[in-house]
Protein backbone atom coordinates (compact mmCIF):
# COMPACT_ATOMS: atom_id res chain seq x y z
CA MET A 1 132.46 64.52 83.51
CA ILE A 2 131.23 67.08 86.00
CA ASP A 3 133.41 67.80 88.93
CA PHE A 4 131.26 69.15 91.77
CA ALA A 5 134.56 70.21 93.75
CA LYS A 6 134.94 72.83 90.87
CA ILE A 7 131.38 74.28 91.09
CA ASN A 8 131.49 78.11 90.79
CA ALA A 9 131.34 79.47 94.29
CA PHE A 10 129.78 82.89 93.46
CA ASP A 11 129.43 85.03 96.54
CA GLY A 12 127.81 82.35 98.69
CA GLY A 13 130.36 79.80 98.52
CA GLN A 14 130.40 76.15 96.96
CA ARG A 15 127.94 74.95 99.37
CA ALA A 16 125.29 77.52 98.46
CA SER A 17 126.03 77.11 94.80
CA PHE A 18 125.35 73.31 94.94
CA GLU A 19 122.19 74.12 97.15
CA GLU A 20 120.94 76.54 94.23
CA LEU A 21 121.81 74.05 91.43
CA LEU A 22 119.76 71.36 93.13
CA CYS A 23 116.91 73.64 93.64
CA GLN A 24 117.06 74.54 89.86
CA LEU A 25 117.00 70.89 89.06
CA ALA A 26 114.21 70.41 91.35
CA GLN A 27 112.50 73.17 89.52
CA ARG A 28 112.70 71.33 86.19
CA GLU A 29 110.88 68.21 87.53
CA LYS A 30 107.54 67.46 85.88
CA PHE A 31 104.48 67.46 87.90
CA PRO A 32 100.72 67.72 87.14
CA ALA A 33 99.05 70.86 85.96
CA GLY A 34 98.12 73.11 88.90
CA SER A 35 101.53 72.26 90.84
CA TYR A 36 103.55 75.22 91.86
CA TYR A 37 107.24 75.41 92.95
CA ARG A 38 108.53 77.44 95.83
CA ARG A 39 112.23 78.24 96.73
CA VAL A 40 112.80 78.61 100.54
CA GLU A 41 115.00 81.31 101.31
CA GLY A 42 117.63 81.45 103.89
CA ALA A 43 120.86 79.47 104.63
CA GLY A 44 119.85 75.83 104.90
CA GLY A 45 116.48 76.52 103.66
CA ASP A 46 113.49 76.56 106.37
CA GLY A 47 111.90 73.66 107.92
CA GLY A 48 114.31 71.07 106.60
CA VAL A 49 113.66 71.91 102.81
CA GLU A 50 115.62 73.96 100.34
CA ALA A 51 112.67 73.95 98.03
CA TYR A 52 109.26 72.13 97.44
CA TRP A 53 106.50 71.53 94.99
CA THR A 54 102.93 71.66 96.15
CA LEU A 55 100.73 69.37 94.08
CA PRO A 56 97.04 69.95 93.14
CA THR A 57 96.14 67.44 95.85
CA GLY A 58 97.99 69.46 98.53
CA LYS A 59 100.84 67.10 99.09
CA LYS A 60 104.40 68.23 98.74
CA VAL A 61 107.67 67.03 97.33
CA GLY A 62 110.51 68.33 99.15
CA TYR A 63 114.36 68.69 98.28
CA GLN A 64 117.33 69.07 100.55
CA ALA A 65 120.88 69.46 99.36
CA LYS A 66 124.13 68.51 101.36
CA TYR A 67 127.45 69.42 100.09
CA PHE A 68 129.63 66.43 100.95
CA LEU A 69 132.33 65.45 98.14
CA ARG A 70 132.92 61.82 99.59
CA ALA A 71 130.68 59.23 100.98
CA GLY A 72 132.77 58.71 103.85
CA ASP A 73 132.68 62.42 104.77
CA ILE A 74 128.75 62.57 104.94
CA ASP A 75 127.59 63.93 108.36
CA TRP A 76 124.51 61.60 108.77
CA GLY A 77 123.51 63.43 111.76
CA GLN A 78 123.09 66.68 109.70
CA ILE A 79 120.87 65.01 107.31
CA ASP A 80 118.93 63.44 110.21
CA LYS A 81 118.36 66.93 111.48
CA SER A 82 117.04 68.16 108.27
CA VAL A 83 114.80 65.45 107.73
CA LEU A 84 113.27 65.62 111.24
CA GLN A 85 112.65 69.32 110.66
CA ALA A 86 110.90 68.68 107.35
CA ILE A 87 108.58 65.90 108.91
CA ALA A 88 107.64 68.39 111.74
CA THR A 89 107.24 71.42 109.55
CA HIS A 90 105.76 69.92 106.40
CA PRO A 91 103.21 67.18 107.19
CA GLU A 92 101.96 67.39 103.57
CA LEU A 93 105.33 65.86 102.46
CA GLU A 94 104.76 62.62 100.14
CA LYS A 95 108.50 62.51 98.88
CA TYR A 96 111.59 64.00 100.22
CA VAL A 97 114.78 64.16 98.03
CA VAL A 98 118.28 64.52 99.31
CA GLY A 99 120.98 65.67 96.82
CA LEU A 100 124.50 64.75 97.22
CA PRO A 101 127.45 65.59 95.07
CA CYS A 102 129.16 62.25 95.74
CA ASP A 103 128.09 58.59 94.83
CA LEU A 104 127.09 56.36 97.67
CA THR A 105 129.48 53.36 97.72
CA ASP A 106 127.83 50.08 96.64
CA LYS A 107 127.23 47.63 99.37
CA ARG A 108 129.78 45.17 97.77
CA ALA A 109 132.47 47.97 97.54
CA LYS A 110 133.16 48.85 101.29
CA ALA A 111 135.90 51.06 101.91
CA ARG A 112 137.34 48.91 104.61
CA LYS A 113 136.29 45.53 106.33
CA GLY A 114 133.51 45.89 108.82
CA SER A 115 132.62 49.49 107.56
CA LYS A 116 129.25 50.37 106.15
CA SER A 117 128.79 51.65 102.54
CA GLY A 118 127.03 54.87 101.94
CA TRP A 119 123.92 52.94 100.69
CA GLU A 120 123.79 50.88 103.89
CA HIS A 121 123.92 54.17 105.73
CA TRP A 122 121.13 55.47 103.63
CA GLU A 123 118.97 52.35 104.17
CA LYS A 124 119.43 52.37 107.92
CA HIS A 125 118.76 56.02 108.30
CA LYS A 126 115.81 55.79 105.97
CA GLU A 127 114.08 53.26 108.38
CA ASP A 128 114.46 55.66 111.30
CA TRP A 129 113.06 58.59 109.19
CA GLU A 130 110.00 56.30 108.10
CA LYS A 131 109.34 55.54 111.73
CA GLU A 132 109.51 59.23 112.61
CA ALA A 133 107.22 60.07 109.76
CA LEU A 134 104.45 57.43 111.03
CA ALA A 135 104.94 58.91 114.51
CA ASN A 136 103.99 62.28 113.27
CA GLY A 137 100.98 60.91 111.28
CA ILE A 138 102.49 60.64 107.88
CA THR A 139 101.81 57.17 106.73
CA GLN A 140 103.40 57.31 103.23
CA LEU A 141 106.50 59.24 102.75
CA GLU A 142 109.10 58.28 100.24
CA PHE A 143 112.81 59.07 100.74
CA VAL A 144 114.80 59.42 97.54
CA ALA A 145 118.72 59.94 97.30
CA TRP A 146 119.97 61.95 94.34
CA PRO A 147 123.74 60.99 94.28
CA LYS A 148 126.29 62.35 91.98
CA SER A 149 125.38 60.01 89.22
CA GLU A 150 121.80 61.00 89.33
CA ILE A 151 122.56 64.77 89.43
CA THR A 152 125.18 64.25 86.62
CA ALA A 153 122.73 62.37 84.50
CA LYS A 154 120.27 65.47 84.88
CA LEU A 155 123.13 67.93 83.90
CA ILE A 156 124.41 66.25 80.63
CA GLY A 157 121.30 66.76 78.44
CA LYS A 158 121.47 69.43 75.79
CA ASP A 159 118.47 71.12 77.61
CA ALA A 160 120.73 71.55 80.73
CA GLU A 161 123.74 73.17 79.07
CA GLY A 162 122.88 76.71 80.18
CA LEU A 163 122.97 74.98 84.05
CA ARG A 164 126.28 73.64 83.09
CA GLU A 165 127.72 77.05 81.81
CA PHE A 166 126.14 78.89 84.90
CA PHE A 167 127.54 76.60 87.46
CA PHE A 168 130.60 75.03 86.00
CA GLY A 169 131.82 77.23 83.19
CA ALA A 170 135.00 78.85 83.11
CA VAL A 171 133.46 82.39 83.24
CA GLU A 172 131.74 82.85 86.59
CA LEU A 173 128.67 85.00 85.97
CA SER A 174 128.88 86.64 89.56
CA PRO A 175 127.51 90.10 90.59
CA LYS A 176 130.96 91.31 90.06
CA TRP A 177 130.92 90.10 86.29
CA PHE A 178 127.69 91.75 85.57
CA GLN A 179 128.86 95.06 87.22
CA ASN A 180 132.09 95.00 85.30
CA TYR A 181 130.30 94.65 82.01
CA LEU A 182 127.72 97.32 82.81
CA ASN A 183 130.74 99.74 83.86
CA GLN A 184 132.04 99.02 80.41
CA ALA A 185 128.85 99.76 78.66
CA SER A 186 128.34 102.90 80.74
CA LEU A 187 131.78 104.29 79.92
CA ALA A 188 130.96 103.74 76.19
CA LEU A 189 127.72 105.79 76.30
CA ASP A 190 129.81 108.86 77.36
CA GLU A 191 127.61 111.91 77.42
CA ARG A 192 124.36 110.00 77.29
CA TYR A 193 124.69 108.55 80.68
CA HIS A 194 125.35 110.71 83.93
CA PRO A 195 124.11 108.61 86.96
CA GLU A 196 124.74 111.66 89.15
CA ASP A 197 122.18 113.56 87.09
CA HIS A 198 119.45 110.89 87.28
CA VAL A 199 115.79 111.83 87.56
CA ASN A 200 113.32 109.15 88.40
CA VAL A 201 110.70 108.92 85.58
CA ARG A 202 107.69 106.83 85.45
CA LEU A 203 108.87 104.41 82.50
CA GLN A 204 111.49 102.90 85.24
CA THR A 205 108.48 100.92 86.40
CA LEU A 206 108.59 98.89 83.22
CA PHE A 207 111.91 97.50 84.25
CA SER A 208 110.96 96.68 87.76
CA THR A 209 107.91 94.97 86.36
CA ILE A 210 109.22 93.03 83.48
CA THR A 211 111.96 91.46 85.84
CA ARG A 212 109.56 90.71 88.67
CA SER A 213 111.52 92.74 90.89
CA GLU A 214 111.24 92.58 94.84
CA ASP A 215 110.08 96.10 94.74
CA LEU A 216 107.18 95.07 92.45
CA LYS A 217 106.15 91.99 94.65
CA ASN A 218 106.22 94.33 97.56
CA LYS A 219 103.93 96.79 95.82
CA LEU A 220 101.55 94.04 94.93
CA SER A 221 101.55 92.35 98.27
CA ALA A 222 100.95 95.82 99.98
CA ALA A 223 97.94 96.50 97.67
CA VAL A 224 96.44 93.08 98.36
CA GLU A 225 97.17 93.27 102.01
CA LYS A 226 95.11 96.60 102.24
CA ALA A 227 92.14 94.81 100.65
CA ARG A 228 92.62 91.88 102.66
CA THR A 229 92.38 93.55 106.12
CA PHE A 230 88.90 94.98 105.14
CA THR A 231 86.01 93.13 106.91
CA LEU A 232 82.33 93.79 106.25
CA PRO A 233 80.79 95.82 109.17
CA GLU A 234 78.40 93.00 109.75
CA ASN A 235 77.25 94.54 113.23
CA ARG A 236 76.36 97.92 111.73
CA ILE A 237 74.69 96.36 108.64
CA ALA A 238 72.65 94.31 111.03
CA SER A 239 71.72 97.44 113.06
CA LEU A 240 70.05 99.33 110.03
CA SER A 241 66.35 99.45 109.54
CA ALA A 242 66.77 97.49 106.18
CA GLN A 243 69.54 94.96 105.29
CA PRO A 244 71.21 94.24 101.73
CA ASP A 245 70.05 91.10 100.12
CA ALA A 246 71.72 88.08 101.48
CA ALA A 247 72.84 87.04 98.11
CA LEU A 248 74.59 90.51 97.61
CA LEU A 249 76.66 90.09 100.98
CA GLU A 250 77.54 86.50 100.15
CA THR A 251 78.85 87.45 96.55
CA PHE A 252 80.86 90.08 98.31
CA ARG A 253 82.33 87.75 100.71
CA THR A 254 83.17 84.99 98.20
CA ALA A 255 84.77 87.66 95.84
CA HIS A 256 86.76 89.07 98.81
CA ALA A 257 88.26 85.79 99.69
CA ARG A 258 89.10 84.89 96.10
CA LEU A 259 91.11 88.29 95.91
CA ASN A 260 93.00 87.45 99.05
CA GLU A 261 94.08 84.02 97.65
CA ILE A 262 96.12 85.76 94.81
CA ALA A 263 98.86 86.93 97.40
CA ARG A 264 100.44 83.44 97.33
CA GLU A 265 101.41 83.63 93.67
CA PHE A 266 103.35 86.85 93.91
CA ASP A 267 106.48 84.78 95.26
CA LEU A 268 106.16 82.02 92.50
CA SER A 269 109.65 81.31 90.81
CA PRO A 270 110.14 83.42 87.54
CA ASP A 271 109.68 80.44 85.28
CA GLN A 272 106.13 79.96 86.64
CA ALA A 273 103.76 82.33 84.76
CA TRP A 274 101.72 84.87 86.83
CA ARG A 275 97.86 84.22 86.22
CA VAL A 276 97.23 87.85 85.59
CA GLU A 277 94.09 87.29 83.51
CA ASN A 278 92.87 85.47 86.50
CA TRP A 279 93.73 88.17 88.99
CA ILE A 280 91.89 90.81 86.97
CA GLU A 281 88.86 88.45 86.82
CA ARG A 282 88.91 88.25 90.64
CA LEU A 283 89.51 92.01 90.79
CA ASP A 284 86.47 92.65 88.34
CA ALA A 285 84.30 90.43 90.59
CA ILE A 286 85.23 92.36 93.91
CA GLU A 287 84.91 95.62 92.18
CA LYS A 288 81.19 94.74 90.91
CA ALA A 289 80.33 93.36 94.35
CA THR A 290 81.73 96.68 96.05
CA TYR A 291 79.62 98.82 93.70
CA ALA A 292 76.72 96.88 94.29
CA LEU A 293 77.10 97.25 98.14
CA GLN A 294 77.89 100.91 97.71
CA LYS A 295 74.87 101.31 95.48
CA TRP A 296 72.61 99.70 98.15
CA TYR A 297 74.03 101.96 100.85
CA TRP A 298 73.20 105.21 98.96
CA THR A 299 69.79 103.82 97.86
CA HIS A 300 69.10 103.22 101.71
CA SER A 301 70.52 106.52 102.49
CA ARG A 302 68.14 108.35 100.32
CA SER A 303 65.38 106.60 101.88
CA LEU A 304 66.01 107.83 105.36
CA GLU A 305 65.06 111.11 107.11
CA ASP A 306 67.94 113.53 107.89
CA ASN A 307 67.75 112.95 111.60
CA ALA A 308 67.32 109.28 111.42
CA PRO A 309 69.28 107.41 114.26
CA GLU A 310 71.04 104.95 111.85
CA ASN A 311 72.48 107.52 109.65
CA ASN A 312 75.99 107.65 111.45
CA ASP A 313 76.29 104.05 111.33
CA LEU A 314 75.30 103.96 107.78
CA ARG A 315 77.79 106.84 107.01
CA LYS A 316 80.54 104.78 108.49
CA CYS A 317 79.44 101.82 106.33
CA ILE A 318 79.73 104.24 103.10
CA ASP A 319 83.19 105.54 104.18
CA ASP A 320 84.53 102.05 104.73
CA ALA A 321 83.31 100.82 101.31
CA GLU A 322 84.90 104.13 99.58
CA LYS A 323 88.22 103.26 101.52
CA PHE A 324 88.04 99.78 100.37
CA SER A 325 87.33 100.74 96.82
CA SER A 326 90.27 102.93 96.83
CA SER A 327 92.55 100.14 98.02
CA LEU A 328 91.19 98.04 94.94
CA SER A 329 92.34 100.96 92.62
CA GLU A 330 95.97 100.64 93.78
CA PHE A 331 95.99 97.00 92.90
CA ALA A 332 94.11 97.70 89.65
CA ASP A 333 96.61 100.16 88.58
CA LEU A 334 99.43 97.56 88.79
CA ILE A 335 97.87 94.65 87.05
CA ARG A 336 95.95 96.49 84.60
CA SER A 337 99.02 98.51 83.27
CA PRO A 338 100.81 97.89 80.02
CA TYR A 339 103.74 97.17 82.11
CA MET A 340 102.06 93.94 83.46
CA ILE A 341 101.37 92.87 79.79
CA ALA A 342 105.23 93.33 79.16
CA GLU A 343 105.81 91.21 82.29
CA GLN A 344 103.80 88.39 80.72
CA GLN A 345 105.59 88.82 77.25
CA ARG A 346 109.11 89.20 78.67
CA PHE A 347 109.94 91.62 75.89
CA ALA A 348 109.19 95.40 75.29
CA LEU A 349 110.29 98.24 72.90
CA ILE A 350 111.19 101.66 73.83
CA ARG A 351 111.35 104.46 71.20
CA GLY A 352 112.03 108.12 71.46
CA ALA A 353 113.58 111.03 69.80
CA ALA A 354 117.49 112.05 70.21
CA GLY A 355 118.23 113.07 73.59
CA VAL A 356 115.08 112.19 75.56
CA GLY A 357 117.00 109.86 77.80
CA LYS A 358 116.62 106.33 76.14
CA SER A 359 120.31 105.32 76.61
CA HIS A 360 120.28 106.76 80.26
CA LEU A 361 117.21 105.04 81.21
CA LEU A 362 118.56 101.61 80.06
CA ALA A 363 121.74 102.15 81.77
CA GLN A 364 120.32 103.57 85.05
CA CYS A 365 117.70 100.58 85.15
CA SER A 366 120.42 98.11 84.69
CA ALA A 367 122.45 99.67 87.45
CA ASP A 368 119.23 99.66 89.66
CA ALA A 369 118.69 95.92 88.83
CA LEU A 370 122.38 95.03 90.01
CA LYS A 371 122.07 97.12 93.07
CA ALA A 372 119.02 95.12 93.93
CA GLY A 373 120.77 91.81 93.45
CA GLN A 374 119.28 91.07 90.02
CA PRO A 375 121.42 89.94 86.98
CA ALA A 376 121.40 92.85 84.22
CA LEU A 377 123.20 93.27 80.92
CA LEU A 378 123.47 96.39 78.81
CA LEU A 379 124.32 95.80 75.05
CA LEU A 380 125.00 98.76 72.79
CA GLY A 381 123.71 98.93 69.30
CA GLN A 382 126.77 100.95 68.31
CA ARG A 383 128.91 97.88 68.88
CA PHE A 384 127.21 95.63 66.39
CA ASN A 385 128.35 95.02 62.82
CA ASP A 386 126.99 92.69 60.15
CA ALA A 387 128.20 89.41 61.38
CA ASP A 388 126.22 86.69 63.13
CA LEU A 389 124.16 88.24 66.03
CA TRP A 390 124.79 85.50 68.59
CA THR A 391 128.52 85.38 67.67
CA GLN A 392 128.83 89.00 68.49
CA ILE A 393 126.95 88.79 71.64
CA ALA A 394 129.09 86.02 72.83
CA SER A 395 132.13 87.96 71.80
CA GLN A 396 130.96 91.11 73.76
CA LEU A 397 130.32 89.29 76.87
CA GLY A 398 133.68 87.37 76.86
CA LEU A 399 131.87 84.12 76.05
CA SER A 400 133.18 83.37 72.65
CA GLY A 401 132.34 80.04 71.58
CA ARG A 402 129.21 79.65 73.56
CA THR A 403 125.80 78.96 71.80
CA PRO A 404 122.81 80.94 72.10
CA GLU A 405 121.50 78.14 74.31
CA GLN A 406 124.45 78.14 76.60
CA ILE A 407 124.38 81.92 77.05
CA LEU A 408 120.50 82.23 77.59
CA GLY A 409 120.48 79.09 79.79
CA ALA A 410 123.27 80.67 81.91
CA LEU A 411 121.39 83.87 82.13
CA ASP A 412 118.19 81.86 83.04
CA ALA A 413 120.16 80.16 85.72
CA ALA A 414 121.32 83.46 87.09
CA GLY A 415 117.72 84.87 87.06
CA LYS A 416 116.25 81.84 89.00
CA SER A 417 119.16 81.89 91.64
CA CYS A 418 118.08 85.43 92.53
CA GLY A 419 114.36 84.67 92.22
CA VAL A 420 113.90 87.24 89.41
CA ARG A 421 114.39 87.54 85.79
CA SER A 422 117.73 88.57 84.37
CA LEU A 423 117.40 91.78 82.24
CA VAL A 424 118.94 92.06 79.02
CA SER A 425 118.79 95.64 77.49
CA ILE A 426 119.89 96.55 73.92
CA ASP A 427 120.27 100.22 73.53
CA ALA A 428 119.81 102.09 70.37
CA ILE A 429 119.63 99.37 67.60
CA ASN A 430 119.45 102.11 65.08
CA GLU A 431 123.24 102.72 65.59
CA GLY A 432 126.11 100.65 64.57
CA VAL A 433 125.14 98.24 61.59
CA GLY A 434 121.77 99.92 61.71
CA SER A 435 118.34 99.35 61.13
CA ARG A 436 118.30 96.84 58.11
CA TYR A 437 120.29 94.31 60.21
CA TRP A 438 118.08 94.25 63.25
CA ARG A 439 114.91 94.16 60.84
CA ASP A 440 116.03 90.73 59.83
CA ASN A 441 117.44 89.62 63.31
CA ILE A 442 115.27 90.95 66.11
CA ALA A 443 112.32 88.48 65.37
CA PRO A 444 114.64 85.30 65.52
CA PHE A 445 116.38 87.01 68.66
CA VAL A 446 112.91 87.31 70.52
CA HIS A 447 111.74 83.87 69.51
CA LYS A 448 114.85 82.34 70.97
CA LEU A 449 114.60 84.46 74.04
CA GLN A 450 111.01 83.16 74.65
CA ASP A 451 112.38 79.69 75.46
CA TYR A 452 114.11 81.15 78.77
CA THR A 453 111.44 82.15 81.20
CA ALA A 454 113.82 83.81 83.75
CA VAL A 455 115.20 86.15 81.00
CA CYS A 456 113.58 89.29 79.70
CA CYS A 457 114.73 91.83 77.27
CA VAL A 458 114.07 95.72 76.69
CA VAL A 459 115.27 97.25 73.22
CA SER A 460 115.34 100.75 72.56
CA CYS A 461 115.42 102.65 69.04
CA ARG A 462 115.39 106.17 67.84
CA THR A 463 111.66 106.96 66.71
CA GLU A 464 112.79 107.97 63.31
CA TYR A 465 114.36 104.62 62.56
CA PHE A 466 111.66 102.42 64.44
CA ASP A 467 109.66 101.46 61.55
CA SER A 468 112.74 100.39 59.36
CA ALA A 469 114.39 98.50 62.32
CA VAL A 470 111.41 96.75 63.80
CA PRO A 471 109.25 94.46 61.55
CA ASP A 472 105.48 94.78 62.00
CA GLY A 473 105.09 91.37 63.32
CA VAL A 474 107.24 92.18 66.38
CA ALA A 475 105.80 95.85 66.53
CA ASN A 476 102.31 94.64 66.50
CA LYS A 477 102.80 91.79 69.15
CA PHE A 478 104.80 93.37 71.73
CA GLN A 479 104.22 96.64 74.04
CA ILE A 480 105.87 99.79 72.84
CA PHE A 481 106.74 102.57 75.15
CA ASP A 482 107.37 106.20 74.27
CA VAL A 483 110.09 108.23 75.92
CA ARG A 484 109.55 112.00 75.76
CA GLY A 485 111.93 113.25 78.48
CA PHE A 486 110.52 114.94 81.56
CA GLU A 487 106.83 114.50 80.99
CA THR A 488 105.04 115.23 84.16
CA SER A 489 105.26 118.04 86.45
CA GLU A 490 106.74 115.83 89.11
CA GLU A 491 109.47 114.90 86.85
CA GLN A 492 110.26 118.44 85.84
CA LEU A 493 110.50 119.54 89.51
CA ALA A 494 112.86 116.75 90.16
CA ALA A 495 114.75 117.89 87.04
CA ALA A 496 115.06 121.37 88.22
CA ARG A 497 116.41 120.39 91.59
CA ILE A 498 119.13 117.98 90.13
CA TYR A 499 120.12 119.96 87.05
CA LEU A 500 119.71 123.46 88.36
CA ASP A 501 119.59 123.75 92.06
CA LYS A 502 122.84 121.65 92.70
CA ARG A 503 124.73 123.82 90.37
CA GLY A 504 123.42 127.08 91.82
CA ILE A 505 121.50 128.06 88.82
CA ALA A 506 118.21 130.01 89.45
CA ARG A 507 115.15 128.34 87.90
CA PRO A 508 113.64 130.27 84.98
CA SER A 509 110.48 132.13 85.60
CA THR A 510 107.02 130.52 84.46
CA PRO A 511 107.00 128.48 82.26
CA TRP A 512 109.83 127.30 84.13
CA LEU A 513 111.45 125.50 81.20
CA ALA A 514 111.29 126.19 77.67
CA PRO A 515 109.95 123.15 75.54
CA GLU A 516 113.66 122.26 74.46
CA PHE A 517 114.43 121.74 78.08
CA ILE A 518 112.02 118.91 78.65
CA ASN A 519 114.76 116.95 76.72
CA PRO A 520 117.37 115.75 79.28
CA LEU A 521 120.39 116.03 76.90
CA PHE A 522 119.44 119.57 76.13
CA LEU A 523 118.94 120.73 79.72
CA ARG A 524 121.95 118.95 80.94
CA SER A 525 124.18 120.53 78.16
CA VAL A 526 122.94 124.08 78.69
CA CYS A 527 123.40 123.69 82.77
CA VAL A 528 126.96 122.42 82.33
CA SER A 529 127.68 125.38 80.03
CA LEU A 530 126.10 127.75 82.62
CA GLU A 531 128.16 126.21 85.19
CA ARG A 532 131.33 126.48 83.16
CA ASP A 533 130.73 130.15 82.55
CA GLY A 534 130.12 130.92 86.22
CA LYS A 535 126.42 132.03 85.49
CA SER A 536 123.71 131.43 87.99
CA GLU A 537 120.76 132.02 85.69
CA PHE A 538 119.57 131.64 82.13
CA PRO A 539 120.60 134.38 79.65
CA SER A 540 117.59 136.37 78.45
CA GLY A 541 116.20 134.97 75.16
CA LEU A 542 117.77 131.59 75.36
CA THR A 543 114.98 129.70 73.71
CA GLY A 544 114.77 127.54 70.61
CA THR A 545 117.02 124.68 69.50
CA LYS A 546 119.38 126.79 67.33
CA LYS A 547 119.96 129.19 70.26
CA ILE A 548 120.74 126.61 72.66
CA LEU A 549 123.14 124.72 70.50
CA LYS A 550 124.75 128.08 69.57
CA TYR A 551 125.25 128.90 73.20
CA TYR A 552 126.55 125.32 74.09
CA LEU A 553 129.06 125.24 71.29
CA GLU A 554 130.27 128.91 72.20
CA SER A 555 130.66 127.71 75.82
CA MET A 556 132.72 124.77 74.60
CA GLY A 557 134.98 127.08 72.58
CA ARG A 558 135.72 129.00 75.78
CA LYS A 559 136.84 126.20 77.71
């Protein structure tokens, strides 16, 4: 039996947890294709609903949670207030569901003589709500109660065991739990992870993208907003001695309007797929329309005399079109990237040589995710042996006895509760039990993962072992990203500031770093050695792997 009085409180308390549970149950409801679900953020939801589905017809189904553990304690006035807000704010409602963690007493089982049962209260208030809906022009609005028995029925199925584990399990998967586990993993990485020496690298974008982070959504929204604010200079075009074909202008307007519609999809819940192919199709259309308009501008420009009065207006039209094209490029860079392919697949592979920063990258991106309020786990390849994979994962997480479905289902619920995907990173699968084990286990692992839309995974492996650890079927299907250390000039300059400047070490003359120092582990090791020896510049001739290692070992010996 599920006891709603013992629902895990997490950081927001039991009331907030019950609201989230109801929203995740609502999210699992089946509606026609083309329907989309939206979670309303903020205490008590917004406009009388915690969440709602919008159907292809434009109608809505709204959900409201009220955490009263006994029918006699229900504050019906509080429910009235939410219903009236919903009717006023969402005139498209055709169904309104109220979830309660208690059963409404039967009409024949009144608590005391002369008192009303919970269902009698419900029927009376429902009559008032229906009248209010009619007064607001809503002719058909169904009010439905989800009492304890109804919610329990939705939770007892095998497909809901992850929800049960997350909301009612003995181990509360709270932000503190995730942070404690990451702290343990970070300590085990030892010299491979030093957050104080972190340098931002472009591959961090993979993690913010695959998890559908708020940072990514903000970037997408900002890029589309730049394009949305553009308007055709109708008056300037009309003032020209010739005008573009009407069909050309109409094609541009239509493509522009279709691009603007994309923005409403960015906030969809993580279990609803982004239609990236559709976005690219719409982007292609507006890019072609913009190019056609620019081509007409330039063709018309060449037909004019240098001193033609309309040249200024035409120049402004050309400049506006170029700025608009530039804004489209920002959006294009985001959605046409291999990172977005990884977002669609929810799984990616990272490979690189020793010391290039794979472990540091996974640990730092996990820490960044937790800091942003996203669930994140870091599993270390060095901790795995040849036992059953999921038994080991459960044991490492302190969830012994849980099934893969319970673990992934709980992580899925954790991600949905934050509006993002839970990140599972597995570092260095070439270590521990080694490549052969993962070659046999990684494909089933990824297959199981695919059933949970609010969970994503990034796996790293040393380049030399990649082909023996990752079977062709996995390598050919998913995106592979190579880590090469500090690749760009921006990353190298940032590394100089963090590794050298803060230790008071002068930067070497051009080239500022030897090839070996593009490797973060080499660079840090030498900087630590120089600092330990009290030196403020690189010794002459310190180039080549052998000399660097020799200097480092000698420095260690002088400690």
